Amino acid sequence: MEKRIYINFLGLILLSSLLISVAVAAFVYDAGMKREMADARDRAVLCADLLNRGLEYANLHFIDYDNHGADAARLTIIAPDGTVLLDNKADAGTMENHADREEVIAARVDGTGEIMRYSSTLATNTYFYAIRLDDGKILRVSLTMNKITELLGEIIPVIIGAVLFVLLVALFVAKRLTKNIVRPLTQIDFDGDNTPAYDELIPYVKKIEQQRQKIAAQVLALENRAAVIEDITEHMQEGLLMLDHSGGILSANKSVEEIFGACVGKSILSVCRDIEFRQGVKQCLLGAGAEMIMSKNGQIYSVHFTPARDDVGGAVILFFDVTERHAAEKQRREFTANVSHELKTPLTSILAYAEMIENGMAKDEDIREFAAKTLVQARHLISIIEDIIRLSAFDEGVAGGLAGDGLAKGGHSEFELRELADQVVDALSEKAKEKHISITVSGGPFHIKANRHMLDELLNNLIDNAIKYNKENGVVAVCLDAADGFHKIGVSDTGIGIADEHKGRVFERFYRADPSRDKKTGGTGLGLSIVKHIAEHHGGRVELESEIGQGTTVTCWIAV
């Protein structure tokens, strides 16, 4: 702005100087011309007066007329028919007829006539003034403008010098004026309350202040919005990644950094080298969305690529952790396969015995034995179905669990835990006697508020397993305790034990550490899974300790 004002000042001063110089030259030229023309007219009138008084043409002796120089006045006397009778600067006999000259025609008609035109005889611009004499002849006086031209030639250098001087002064003055004009503008404090030096600026300062406040409010709103968005994205379980048009990472939330580490400012293609992922990025940057499943750091992610608007460029990538969903889907498939297998085995046996009896292949004395075996398989089938129903109830969050008839029974109530344990031991004592296994119960009494039916199921499963997988003449110890806000139920046996590779999976549905032994004992593979669900339903957990050939201890923690 300062430079523009400075240049404008210089231009204005220079233009003014030039215009003044031209005006002065024009004024001088015009004044000189008027003076010369008036002088020519005066001379013409004087000479005409003398001629009208009887002065002979031959006796005209005036200094100006006798001077034959180029700048001297020229005298011409023209007959009414245009013939040149006398000329003081040329031979009249050689001059052409002047009847068609404008000034001659005007003098003949009006008495006087004048004109400025280029004279071929004098080879310059010349002023002609003609006057009609009493005898009808025309007296014409002409005067060249050479003196005016010479005067301008003398004045112009002076004017140019004056213009250059003014220009030099203008360089200093314009610079000073510019600084004086701009200084108040540069000293305006838009953040303060000072009034600008120029009253004309007050509306603009107020407008700027309003705009500043508006912009400040908008910036604050944007910062708040950005903070909210950042807070939301940082607490998202899903990973959010933003890329620019070239694949550079603009933003990555905490979930993404848990996957790839600190990656903002890097190229996405250098952060993840998975071929399918890189192909999805390239496709997205070209404007097409994409989806894929990616495994990273032991987790499984569903990755969604979304291109940004065409005028912005870039992409947004979302990572959804679907590890649990995949595990659940895998578990569901395994569960379905296991259920099908477990139900098929007793059903196949029942069908085989039924077909043998129907087709008469069984002897009369064998029918009773086949019926007994069919009953065993049917009971085993019912047991599997009941366990599946129980687990389904836990999956659906049915409080109170399920018992025998498949209906939810009871909620939480107060009862004595030792008493319940003794009842379960009594119910299983006959089964224990068959293998000469002794069962002991220690600890208590403990009054507990829980779901009695569920804990009855839990104790039945644990003690029954301890009997099934125990050795002849073995021992089962039931230990009850309370500590740190939990009731502890521990069931130990001196049985076959569980290998290390099976310990982490024995609580899975239908998982058997020794399938051949389970078939002999009639196990469904669901008992420990039910135990785990009951403990978790009561806000607790299950722990297992076991050594091959030394026995197993299962401890359940039930929140008070």
Protein backbone atom coordinates (compact mmCIF):
# COMPACT_ATOMS: atom_id res chain seq x y z
CA MET A 1 0.00 0.00 0.00
CA GLU A 2 2.80 2.43 0.94
CA LYS A 3 4.54 1.79 -2.37
CA ARG A 4 1.33 2.32 -4.30
CA ILE A 5 0.63 5.64 -2.54
CA TYR A 6 4.22 6.74 -3.18
CA ILE A 7 3.99 5.90 -6.89
CA ASN A 8 0.61 7.63 -7.16
CA PHE A 9 2.01 10.76 -5.52
CA LEU A 10 4.95 10.82 -7.91
CA GLY A 11 2.70 10.24 -10.87
CA LEU A 12 0.32 12.97 -9.79
CA ILE A 13 3.12 15.50 -9.27
CA LEU A 14 4.78 14.58 -12.54
CA LEU A 15 1.49 14.76 -14.43
CA SER A 16 0.69 18.11 -12.81
CA SER A 17 4.12 19.46 -13.75
CA LEU A 18 3.73 18.30 -17.32
CA LEU A 19 0.23 19.75 -17.60
CA ILE A 20 1.39 23.06 -16.14
CA SER A 21 4.38 23.12 -18.50
CA VAL A 22 2.17 22.41 -21.49
CA ALA A 23 -0.32 25.03 -20.32
CA VAL A 24 2.47 27.62 -19.92
CA ALA A 25 3.89 26.82 -23.34
CA ALA A 26 0.43 26.98 -24.87
CA PHE A 27 -0.29 30.23 -23.09
CA VAL A 28 3.01 31.77 -24.28
CA TYR A 29 2.44 30.52 -27.80
CA ASP A 30 -1.15 31.80 -27.85
CA ALA A 31 -0.18 35.17 -26.35
CA GLY A 32 2.67 35.54 -28.83
CA MET A 33 0.45 34.68 -31.74
CA LYS A 34 -2.21 37.14 -30.63
CA ARG A 35 0.41 39.85 -30.22
CA GLU A 36 1.89 39.19 -33.67
CA MET A 37 -1.53 39.04 -35.27
CA ALA A 38 -2.56 42.33 -33.61
CA ASP A 39 0.68 43.90 -34.79
CA ALA A 40 0.01 42.71 -38.32
CA ARG A 41 -3.51 44.14 -38.24
CA ASP A 42 -2.24 47.48 -36.88
CA ARG A 43 0.33 47.73 -39.64
CA ALA A 44 -2.29 46.87 -42.26
CA VAL A 45 -4.67 49.57 -41.00
CA LEU A 46 -1.85 52.17 -40.90
CA CYS A 47 -0.69 51.36 -44.39
CA ALA A 48 -4.24 51.32 -45.77
CA ASP A 49 -4.85 54.75 -44.22
CA LEU A 50 -1.75 56.13 -45.90
CA LEU A 51 -2.70 54.65 -49.27
CA ASN A 52 -6.24 55.93 -49.02
CA ARG A 53 -4.75 59.43 -48.47
CA GLY A 54 -2.92 59.30 -51.79
CA LEU A 55 0.46 57.74 -51.05
CA GLU A 56 1.78 56.15 -54.18
CA TYR A 57 2.71 52.52 -54.07
CA ALA A 58 6.17 53.29 -55.24
CA ASN A 59 6.71 55.71 -52.40
CA LEU A 60 6.03 53.15 -49.63
CA HIS A 61 9.21 53.32 -47.57
CA PHE A 62 8.77 51.74 -44.09
CA ILE A 63 11.41 49.87 -42.23
CA ASP A 64 9.34 46.72 -41.75
CA TYR A 65 8.22 46.69 -45.35
CA ASP A 66 11.65 47.42 -46.70
CA ASN A 67 13.08 44.60 -44.56
CA HIS A 68 13.07 41.56 -46.76
CA GLY A 69 14.03 39.17 -43.97
CA ALA A 70 12.02 36.04 -43.38
CA ASP A 71 10.47 37.34 -40.16
CA ALA A 72 9.61 40.84 -41.48
CA ALA A 73 6.05 41.74 -42.35
CA ARG A 74 5.12 41.17 -45.96
CA LEU A 75 3.08 43.72 -47.94
CA THR A 76 1.01 42.72 -50.94
CA ILE A 77 -1.38 44.87 -52.98
CA ILE A 78 -3.89 42.94 -55.06
CA ALA A 79 -6.12 44.27 -57.83
CA PRO A 80 -9.88 43.56 -57.62
CA ASP A 81 -9.46 40.78 -60.18
CA GLY A 82 -6.81 39.10 -58.03
CA THR A 83 -3.73 40.27 -59.93
CA VAL A 84 -0.80 40.98 -57.64
CA LEU A 85 0.28 44.60 -58.20
CA LEU A 86 2.99 44.89 -55.54
CA ASP A 87 4.84 42.58 -53.11
CA ASN A 88 7.79 43.68 -51.06
CA LYS A 89 9.33 40.19 -50.88
CA ALA A 90 8.66 38.78 -54.32
CA ASP A 91 8.40 39.83 -57.94
CA ALA A 92 4.72 40.66 -58.44
CA GLY A 93 4.85 39.73 -62.09
CA THR A 94 5.75 36.16 -61.28
CA MET A 95 3.08 35.62 -58.60
CA GLU A 96 -0.12 33.76 -59.35
CA ASN A 97 -3.58 35.28 -59.21
CA HIS A 98 -4.85 35.69 -55.60
CA ALA A 99 -8.55 36.07 -56.35
CA ASP A 100 -9.25 32.68 -54.72
CA ARG A 101 -7.47 33.42 -51.46
CA GLU A 102 -9.90 33.22 -48.54
CA GLU A 103 -8.68 36.39 -46.89
CA VAL A 104 -8.88 38.28 -50.24
CA ILE A 105 -12.42 37.07 -50.85
CA ALA A 106 -13.44 38.05 -47.31
CA ALA A 107 -11.88 41.55 -47.66
CA ARG A 108 -13.55 42.10 -51.02
CA VAL A 109 -16.93 41.20 -49.54
CA ASP A 110 -16.70 42.35 -45.90
CA GLY A 111 -13.89 44.90 -46.02
CA THR A 112 -11.44 42.78 -44.02
CA GLY A 113 -10.39 39.18 -43.92
CA GLU A 114 -7.84 37.08 -42.00
CA ILE A 115 -6.56 33.50 -41.93
CA MET A 116 -3.66 31.40 -40.64
CA ARG A 117 -2.24 28.94 -43.14
CA TYR A 118 0.93 27.48 -44.49
CA SER A 119 2.59 29.74 -47.05
CA SER A 120 4.35 27.95 -49.89
CA THR A 121 6.21 31.15 -50.78
CA LEU A 122 7.57 31.64 -47.22
CA ALA A 123 7.60 27.90 -46.40
CA THR A 124 6.11 28.41 -42.91
CA ASN A 125 2.84 28.99 -41.07
CA THR A 126 1.79 32.54 -41.82
CA TYR A 127 -0.91 34.93 -40.65
CA PHE A 128 -2.65 36.83 -43.47
CA TYR A 129 -4.72 39.98 -42.87
CA ALA A 130 -6.41 41.72 -45.86
CA ILE A 131 -8.20 45.07 -46.00
CA ARG A 132 -10.12 46.63 -48.89
CA LEU A 133 -8.83 50.09 -50.00
CA ASP A 134 -11.09 52.90 -51.11
CA ASP A 135 -10.23 52.28 -54.74
CA GLY A 136 -11.33 48.62 -54.48
CA LYS A 137 -7.84 47.16 -54.33
CA ILE A 138 -6.88 44.80 -51.55
CA LEU A 139 -4.02 45.44 -49.17
CA ARG A 140 -2.75 42.27 -47.52
CA VAL A 141 -0.23 42.10 -44.72
CA SER A 142 1.24 38.73 -43.76
CA LEU A 143 3.49 37.77 -40.88
CA THR A 144 5.25 34.46 -40.17
CA MET A 145 5.14 32.75 -36.71
CA ASN A 146 8.88 32.05 -36.64
CA LYS A 147 9.39 34.44 -33.75
CA ILE A 148 6.84 32.50 -31.68
CA THR A 149 8.57 29.22 -32.53
CA GLU A 150 11.92 30.66 -31.55
CA LEU A 151 10.41 31.93 -28.30
CA LEU A 152 9.07 28.46 -27.50
CA GLY A 153 12.46 27.01 -28.30
CA GLU A 154 13.93 29.27 -25.66
CA ILE A 155 11.21 28.61 -23.09
CA ILE A 156 10.99 24.79 -23.39
CA PRO A 157 14.46 24.05 -21.91
CA VAL A 158 13.57 26.28 -18.99
CA ILE A 159 10.28 24.38 -18.56
CA ILE A 160 12.06 20.99 -18.73
CA GLY A 161 14.56 22.13 -16.13
CA ALA A 162 11.74 23.30 -13.91
CA VAL A 163 9.95 19.96 -14.34
CA LEU A 164 13.10 18.00 -13.41
CA PHE A 165 13.60 20.19 -10.36
CA VAL A 166 9.96 19.67 -9.34
CA LEU A 167 10.38 15.92 -9.87
CA LEU A 168 13.41 15.79 -7.58
CA VAL A 169 11.56 17.74 -4.94
CA ALA A 170 8.57 15.45 -5.48
CA LEU A 171 10.67 12.34 -4.74
CA PHE A 172 11.36 13.66 -1.26
CA VAL A 173 7.95 15.21 -0.68
CA ALA A 174 6.05 12.14 -1.92
CA LYS A 175 8.08 9.84 0.31
CA ARG A 176 7.50 12.03 3.34
CA LEU A 177 3.80 12.46 2.60
CA THR A 178 3.41 8.74 2.08
CA LYS A 179 4.98 7.93 5.43
CA ASN A 180 2.84 10.56 7.17
CA ILE A 181 -0.31 9.14 5.58
CA VAL A 182 0.52 5.49 6.24
CA ARG A 183 1.91 5.91 9.76
CA PRO A 184 -1.50 6.33 11.47
CA LEU A 185 -2.74 3.25 9.61
CA THR A 186 0.18 1.10 10.74
CA GLN A 187 -0.17 2.32 14.31
CA ILE A 188 -3.82 1.29 14.65
CA ASP A 189 -4.18 -1.24 17.48
CA PHE A 190 -7.12 -3.41 16.52
CA ASP A 191 -6.92 -5.22 19.85
CA GLY A 192 -7.04 -1.98 21.86
CA ASP A 193 -9.57 0.80 22.31
CA ASN A 194 -7.56 3.63 20.66
CA THR A 195 -9.30 5.83 18.11
CA PRO A 196 -7.67 5.98 14.64
CA ALA A 197 -5.99 9.25 13.53
CA TYR A 198 -8.39 9.59 10.61
CA ASP A 199 -12.08 9.96 11.34
CA GLU A 200 -12.82 8.32 8.02
CA LEU A 201 -11.26 5.10 9.35
CA ILE A 202 -13.53 4.82 12.39
CA PRO A 203 -16.32 2.89 10.56
CA TYR A 204 -13.72 0.53 9.09
CA VAL A 205 -12.03 -0.01 12.44
CA LYS A 206 -15.40 -0.80 14.01
CA LYS A 207 -16.25 -3.16 11.17
CA ILE A 208 -12.86 -4.87 11.49
CA GLU A 209 -13.38 -5.20 15.25
CA GLN A 210 -16.78 -6.80 14.65
CA GLN A 211 -15.25 -9.16 12.11
CA ARG A 212 -12.40 -9.96 14.52
CA GLN A 213 -14.86 -10.82 17.28
CA LYS A 214 -16.91 -12.91 14.88
CA ILE A 215 -13.81 -14.75 13.65
CA ALA A 216 -12.64 -15.27 17.24
CA ALA A 217 -16.04 -16.77 18.11
CA GLN A 218 -15.91 -19.00 15.04
CA VAL A 219 -12.36 -20.11 15.84
CA LEU A 220 -13.41 -20.89 19.42
CA ALA A 221 -16.40 -22.86 18.12
CA LEU A 222 -14.14 -24.75 15.73
CA GLU A 223 -11.64 -25.46 18.49
CA ASN A 224 -14.42 -26.73 20.74
CA ARG A 225 -15.80 -28.84 17.93
CA ALA A 226 -12.34 -30.17 17.16
CA ALA A 227 -11.81 -30.95 20.84
CA VAL A 228 -15.13 -32.81 20.98
CA ILE A 229 -14.32 -34.73 17.79
CA GLU A 230 -10.83 -35.52 19.09
CA ASP A 231 -12.26 -36.66 22.41
CA ILE A 232 -14.80 -38.86 20.65
CA THR A 233 -12.27 -40.37 18.26
CA GLU A 234 -9.74 -40.95 21.04
CA HIS A 235 -12.29 -42.90 23.07
CA MET A 236 -13.64 -44.85 20.10
CA GLN A 237 -13.20 -48.60 20.32
CA GLU A 238 -12.95 -48.56 16.55
CA GLY A 239 -9.72 -47.43 14.93
CA LEU A 240 -10.00 -44.24 12.84
CA LEU A 241 -7.33 -43.34 10.29
CA MET A 242 -7.38 -40.29 7.98
CA LEU A 243 -5.19 -40.07 4.88
CA ASP A 244 -4.36 -37.25 2.49
CA HIS A 245 -4.53 -37.62 -1.29
CA SER A 246 -1.04 -39.15 -1.44
CA GLY A 247 -1.55 -41.70 1.33
CA GLY A 248 0.10 -39.71 4.12
CA ILE A 249 -1.44 -40.24 7.57
CA LEU A 250 -3.10 -37.02 8.76
CA SER A 251 -4.73 -38.36 11.91
CA ALA A 252 -4.85 -41.60 13.87
CA ASN A 253 -6.78 -42.22 17.07
CA LYS A 254 -5.60 -44.23 20.04
CA SER A 255 -7.13 -47.48 18.78
CA VAL A 256 -5.16 -47.22 15.51
CA GLU A 257 -1.93 -46.49 17.40
CA GLU A 258 -2.51 -49.68 19.40
CA ILE A 259 -2.52 -51.52 16.07
CA PHE A 260 0.31 -49.78 14.17
CA GLY A 261 2.05 -47.66 16.83
CA ALA A 262 2.74 -43.93 16.38
CA CYS A 263 2.13 -43.34 12.68
CA VAL A 264 0.94 -39.75 12.09
CA GLY A 265 3.02 -38.11 9.36
CA LYS A 266 4.09 -41.42 7.84
CA SER A 267 2.90 -43.06 4.64
CA ILE A 268 0.22 -45.68 5.20
CA LEU A 269 1.97 -47.95 2.72
CA SER A 270 5.06 -47.98 4.94
CA VAL A 271 3.06 -48.58 8.12
CA CYS A 272 1.21 -51.68 6.91
CA ARG A 273 2.67 -53.95 4.26
CA ASP A 274 -0.25 -56.35 4.02
CA ILE A 275 -0.82 -56.79 0.27
CA GLU A 276 -4.62 -56.81 0.44
CA PHE A 277 -4.61 -53.76 2.76
CA ARG A 278 -2.29 -51.81 0.45
CA GLN A 279 -4.52 -52.67 -2.49
CA GLY A 280 -7.56 -51.40 -0.55
CA VAL A 281 -5.74 -48.11 0.20
CA LYS A 282 -4.82 -47.56 -3.46
CA GLN A 283 -8.36 -48.36 -4.58
CA CYS A 284 -9.82 -45.97 -1.99
CA LEU A 285 -7.47 -43.10 -2.96
CA LEU A 286 -8.73 -43.55 -6.53
CA GLY A 287 -12.28 -42.93 -5.30
CA ALA A 288 -13.69 -46.43 -4.73
CA GLY A 289 -14.65 -47.87 -1.34
CA ALA A 290 -13.48 -51.26 -0.16
CA GLU A 291 -13.75 -53.75 2.74
CA MET A 292 -11.51 -56.53 4.00
CA ILE A 293 -10.72 -58.72 6.98
CA MET A 294 -7.21 -58.27 8.36
CA SER A 295 -5.29 -60.10 11.09
CA LYS A 296 -2.82 -58.01 13.09
CA ASN A 297 -1.09 -58.65 16.43
CA GLY A 298 -3.27 -61.65 17.12
CA GLN A 299 -6.47 -59.65 16.62
CA ILE A 300 -8.91 -59.78 13.71
CA TYR A 301 -10.19 -56.50 12.22
CA SER A 302 -12.89 -55.65 9.73
CA VAL A 303 -11.40 -52.79 7.70
CA HIS A 304 -13.61 -50.32 5.82
CA PHE A 305 -12.08 -47.93 3.26
CA THR A 306 -14.12 -44.79 2.48
CA PRO A 307 -12.87 -42.19 -0.06
CA ALA A 308 -13.13 -38.49 0.77
CA ARG A 309 -14.88 -35.95 -1.51
CA ASP A 310 -13.31 -35.47 -4.93
CA ASP A 311 -12.45 -31.82 -4.21
CA VAL A 312 -10.69 -32.76 -0.97
CA GLY A 313 -8.98 -36.04 -1.78
CA GLY A 314 -7.74 -38.62 0.67
CA ALA A 315 -9.51 -41.41 2.54
CA VAL A 316 -10.95 -42.49 5.89
CA ILE A 317 -10.19 -46.00 7.15
CA LEU A 318 -12.13 -47.63 9.99
CA PHE A 319 -10.89 -50.68 11.91
CA PHE A 320 -13.51 -52.75 13.75
CA ASP A 321 -12.17 -55.35 16.17
CA VAL A 322 -14.15 -58.48 15.33
CA THR A 323 -11.92 -60.90 17.19
CA GLU A 324 -14.63 -61.85 19.66
CA ARG A 325 -17.21 -62.11 16.92
CA HIS A 326 -14.96 -64.42 14.92
CA ALA A 327 -14.21 -66.42 18.04
CA ALA A 328 -17.92 -66.62 18.81
CA GLU A 329 -18.64 -67.65 15.24
CA LYS A 330 -15.95 -70.29 15.45
CA GLN A 331 -17.30 -71.44 18.81
CA ARG A 332 -20.80 -71.55 17.37
CA ARG A 333 -19.64 -73.73 14.48
CA GLU A 334 -17.73 -75.99 16.83
CA PHE A 335 -20.68 -76.09 19.20
CA THR A 336 -23.05 -77.00 16.39
CA ALA A 337 -20.70 -79.73 15.19
CA ASN A 338 -20.19 -81.04 18.73
CA VAL A 339 -23.91 -81.00 19.52
CA SER A 340 -24.64 -82.86 16.30
CA HIS A 341 -21.99 -85.43 17.13
CA GLU A 342 -23.00 -85.82 20.79
CA LEU A 343 -26.69 -86.20 19.95
CA LYS A 344 -26.01 -88.51 17.04
CA THR A 345 -24.08 -91.06 19.14
CA PRO A 346 -26.87 -92.04 21.60
CA LEU A 347 -29.53 -91.67 18.92
CA THR A 348 -27.61 -94.08 16.67
CA SER A 349 -27.46 -96.63 19.48
CA ILE A 350 -31.16 -96.20 20.30
CA LEU A 351 -32.05 -96.55 16.59
CA ALA A 352 -29.92 -99.68 16.21
CA TYR A 353 -31.51 -101.43 19.21
CA ALA A 354 -35.01 -100.41 18.04
CA GLU A 355 -34.40 -101.72 14.49
CA MET A 356 -33.03 -105.02 15.82
CA ILE A 357 -36.12 -105.51 18.03
CA GLU A 358 -38.49 -104.42 15.22
CA ASN A 359 -36.92 -106.74 12.65
CA GLY A 360 -36.96 -109.74 15.04
CA MET A 361 -33.18 -109.91 15.11
CA ALA A 362 -33.13 -109.84 18.91
CA LYS A 363 -33.94 -112.94 20.90
CA ASP A 364 -36.65 -112.74 23.51
CA GLU A 365 -34.13 -113.03 26.29
CA ASP A 366 -32.08 -110.14 24.75
CA ILE A 367 -34.98 -107.71 24.43
CA ARG A 368 -34.81 -106.81 28.12
CA GLU A 369 -31.06 -106.13 27.82
CA PHE A 370 -31.58 -104.01 24.66
CA ALA A 371 -34.30 -102.05 26.42
CA ALA A 372 -31.97 -101.37 29.33
CA LYS A 373 -29.22 -100.17 26.97
CA THR A 374 -31.74 -98.03 25.09
CA LEU A 375 -32.83 -96.51 28.40
CA VAL A 376 -29.20 -95.69 29.27
CA GLN A 377 -28.65 -93.99 25.92
CA ALA A 378 -31.96 -92.13 26.21
CA ARG A 379 -31.02 -90.87 29.67
CA HIS A 380 -27.61 -89.84 28.35
CA LEU A 381 -29.35 -88.02 25.49
CA ILE A 382 -31.65 -86.23 27.94
CA SER A 383 -28.65 -85.30 30.07
CA ILE A 384 -26.92 -83.74 27.06
CA ILE A 385 -30.03 -81.82 26.10
CA GLU A 386 -30.54 -80.55 29.66
CA ASP A 387 -26.90 -79.37 29.83
CA ILE A 388 -27.26 -77.60 26.47
CA ILE A 389 -30.45 -75.92 27.68
CA ARG A 390 -28.66 -74.78 30.84
CA LEU A 391 -25.79 -73.27 28.83
CA SER A 392 -28.23 -71.58 26.46
CA ALA A 393 -29.98 -70.07 29.46
CA PHE A 394 -26.66 -68.69 30.75
CA ASP A 395 -25.85 -67.29 27.28
CA GLU A 396 -29.18 -65.49 27.31
CA GLY A 397 -28.60 -64.18 30.86
CA VAL A 398 -31.42 -66.10 32.51
CA ALA A 399 -31.09 -65.45 36.24
CA GLY A 400 -31.45 -68.54 38.37
CA GLY A 401 -30.13 -70.92 35.71
CA LEU A 402 -32.10 -73.99 34.68
CA ALA A 403 -32.77 -77.23 36.45
CA GLY A 404 -34.16 -80.65 35.60
CA ASP A 405 -37.35 -79.72 33.87
CA GLY A 406 -35.70 -76.90 31.87
CA LEU A 407 -37.48 -74.09 33.67
CA ALA A 408 -35.77 -71.23 35.44
CA LYS A 409 -36.03 -71.81 39.17
CA GLY A 410 -35.55 -69.32 41.95
CA GLY A 411 -33.45 -66.24 42.46
CA HIS A 412 -30.92 -65.40 45.12
CA SER A 413 -31.77 -66.52 48.62
CA GLU A 414 -29.95 -67.07 51.91
CA PHE A 415 -28.91 -70.62 52.78
CA GLU A 416 -26.15 -72.53 54.53
CA LEU A 417 -23.40 -73.56 52.08
CA ARG A 418 -22.00 -76.44 54.18
CA GLU A 419 -25.43 -77.95 54.47
CA LEU A 420 -25.88 -77.84 50.68
CA ALA A 421 -22.47 -79.47 50.16
CA ASP A 422 -23.32 -82.28 52.58
CA GLN A 423 -26.60 -82.92 50.75
CA VAL A 424 -24.82 -83.22 47.38
CA VAL A 425 -22.23 -85.59 48.88
CA ASP A 426 -24.99 -87.77 50.32
CA ALA A 427 -26.71 -87.90 46.92
CA LEU A 428 -23.49 -89.07 45.23
CA SER A 429 -22.30 -91.41 48.00
CA GLU A 430 -23.60 -94.56 46.29
CA LYS A 431 -21.72 -93.69 43.10
CA ALA A 432 -18.57 -93.10 45.13
CA LYS A 433 -18.92 -96.45 46.93
CA GLU A 434 -18.91 -98.29 43.60
CA LYS A 435 -15.27 -97.13 43.12
CA HIS A 436 -14.47 -97.25 46.84
CA ILE A 437 -13.91 -93.49 46.88
CA SER A 438 -14.16 -91.54 50.11
CA ILE A 439 -15.55 -87.97 50.17
CA THR A 440 -14.77 -85.41 52.86
CA VAL A 441 -16.22 -81.95 53.43
CA SER A 442 -14.38 -79.30 55.44
CA GLY A 443 -15.05 -75.66 56.35
CA GLY A 444 -18.14 -73.81 57.34
CA PRO A 445 -20.77 -73.29 58.28
CA PHE A 446 -21.16 -70.35 55.89
CA HIS A 447 -24.38 -68.44 55.38
CA ILE A 448 -24.46 -67.28 51.77
CA LYS A 449 -26.89 -65.35 49.62
CA ALA A 450 -26.87 -66.87 46.13
CA ASN A 451 -28.91 -68.99 43.76
CA ARG A 452 -29.26 -72.30 45.62
CA HIS A 453 -30.24 -74.31 42.50
CA MET A 454 -27.17 -73.07 40.62
CA LEU A 455 -24.73 -73.84 43.43
CA ASP A 456 -26.37 -77.28 43.83
CA GLU A 457 -25.67 -77.83 40.12
CA LEU A 458 -22.10 -76.55 40.53
CA LEU A 459 -21.34 -78.87 43.47
CA ASN A 460 -22.97 -81.84 41.70
CA ASN A 461 -20.84 -81.33 38.58
CA LEU A 462 -17.56 -80.83 40.47
CA ILE A 463 -18.02 -83.78 42.88
CA ASP A 464 -19.41 -86.04 40.14
CA ASN A 465 -16.37 -85.28 37.93
CA ALA A 466 -14.05 -85.90 40.90
CA ILE A 467 -15.64 -89.35 41.31
CA LYS A 468 -15.72 -90.19 37.58
CA TYR A 469 -12.07 -89.37 36.89
CA ASN A 470 -10.70 -90.69 40.18
CA LYS A 471 -8.83 -93.89 40.82
CA GLU A 472 -10.12 -96.91 42.72
CA ASN A 473 -9.88 -96.24 46.47
CA GLY A 474 -9.31 -92.60 45.75
CA VAL A 475 -10.23 -89.53 47.77
CA VAL A 476 -12.45 -86.52 47.01
CA ALA A 477 -12.04 -83.48 49.28
CA VAL A 478 -14.58 -80.64 49.33
CA CYS A 479 -13.12 -77.54 51.00
CA LEU A 480 -15.26 -74.49 51.85
CA ASP A 481 -13.72 -71.17 52.83
CA ALA A 482 -14.33 -67.40 52.82
CA ALA A 483 -11.79 -64.63 52.12
CA ASP A 484 -11.54 -61.18 50.52
CA GLY A 485 -15.28 -60.86 49.90
CA PHE A 486 -15.64 -64.30 48.27
CA HIS A 487 -16.82 -67.74 49.29
CA LYS A 488 -14.46 -70.40 48.03
CA ILE A 489 -15.58 -73.87 46.96
CA GLY A 490 -12.70 -76.22 46.24
CA VAL A 491 -13.07 -79.84 45.06
CA SER A 492 -9.92 -81.98 44.87
CA ASP A 493 -9.45 -85.57 43.74
CA THR A 494 -6.62 -88.07 43.53
CA GLY A 495 -7.48 -89.08 39.99
CA ILE A 496 -5.84 -89.24 36.61
CA GLY A 497 -5.13 -85.50 36.33
CA ILE A 498 -5.14 -83.26 33.25
CA ALA A 499 -2.19 -82.60 30.93
CA ASP A 500 -0.91 -79.04 30.60
CA GLU A 501 -2.02 -78.72 26.97
CA HIS A 502 -5.64 -79.38 28.00
CA LYS A 503 -5.87 -77.16 31.10
CA GLY A 504 -6.77 -74.00 29.17
CA ARG A 505 -9.62 -75.67 27.29
CA VAL A 506 -11.38 -77.99 29.74
CA PHE A 507 -13.97 -75.27 30.45
CA GLU A 508 -14.94 -75.11 26.74
CA ARG A 509 -18.17 -76.79 25.71
CA PHE A 510 -17.86 -80.44 24.66
CA TYR A 511 -14.09 -80.35 25.14
CA ARG A 512 -12.70 -83.59 26.52
CA ALA A 513 -9.14 -84.12 27.63
CA ASP A 514 -9.63 -87.88 27.09
CA PRO A 515 -12.61 -88.57 24.77
CA SER A 516 -12.29 -92.37 25.08
CA ARG A 517 -12.54 -92.20 28.86
CA ASP A 518 -15.52 -89.81 28.68
CA LYS A 519 -17.42 -92.31 26.58
CA LYS A 520 -16.86 -94.94 29.25
CA THR A 521 -17.93 -92.65 32.06
CA GLY A 522 -20.87 -91.17 30.14
CA GLY A 523 -19.65 -87.56 30.31
CA THR A 524 -21.13 -84.90 28.03
CA GLY A 525 -18.20 -82.48 28.07
CA LEU A 526 -20.46 -79.69 29.36
CA GLY A 527 -20.09 -80.04 33.14
CA LEU A 528 -17.11 -77.72 33.68
CA SER A 529 -18.52 -75.20 31.18
CA ILE A 530 -21.69 -75.04 33.31
CA VAL A 531 -19.57 -74.66 36.45
CA LYS A 532 -17.70 -71.72 34.90
CA HIS A 533 -20.94 -69.99 33.89
CA ILE A 534 -22.44 -70.41 37.37
CA ALA A 535 -19.34 -68.93 39.02
CA GLU A 536 -19.26 -65.96 36.63
CA HIS A 537 -23.00 -65.45 37.12
CA HIS A 538 -22.24 -64.95 40.84
CA GLY A 539 -19.45 -62.46 40.09
CA GLY A 540 -16.69 -64.99 40.60
CA ARG A 541 -14.24 -67.12 38.68
CA VAL A 542 -12.90 -70.67 38.34
CA GLU A 543 -9.33 -71.89 38.80
CA LEU A 544 -7.87 -75.29 37.96
CA GLU A 545 -4.74 -77.05 39.20
CA SER A 546 -3.82 -80.51 37.98
CA GLU A 547 -0.95 -82.90 37.46
CA ILE A 548 -1.00 -86.11 35.46
CA GLY A 549 -1.46 -89.08 37.80
CA GLN A 550 -1.65 -86.84 40.89
CA GLY A 551 -5.18 -85.49 40.68
CA THR A 552 -7.06 -82.28 40.04
CA THR A 553 -8.31 -79.36 42.12
CA VAL A 554 -11.07 -77.06 40.84
CA THR A 555 -11.69 -73.91 42.90
CA CYS A 556 -14.73 -71.69 42.42
CA TRP A 557 -14.90 -68.16 43.83
CA ILE A 558 -18.43 -66.91 44.60
CA ALA A 559 -18.85 -63.20 45.40
CA VAL A 560 -20.47 -62.56 48.79
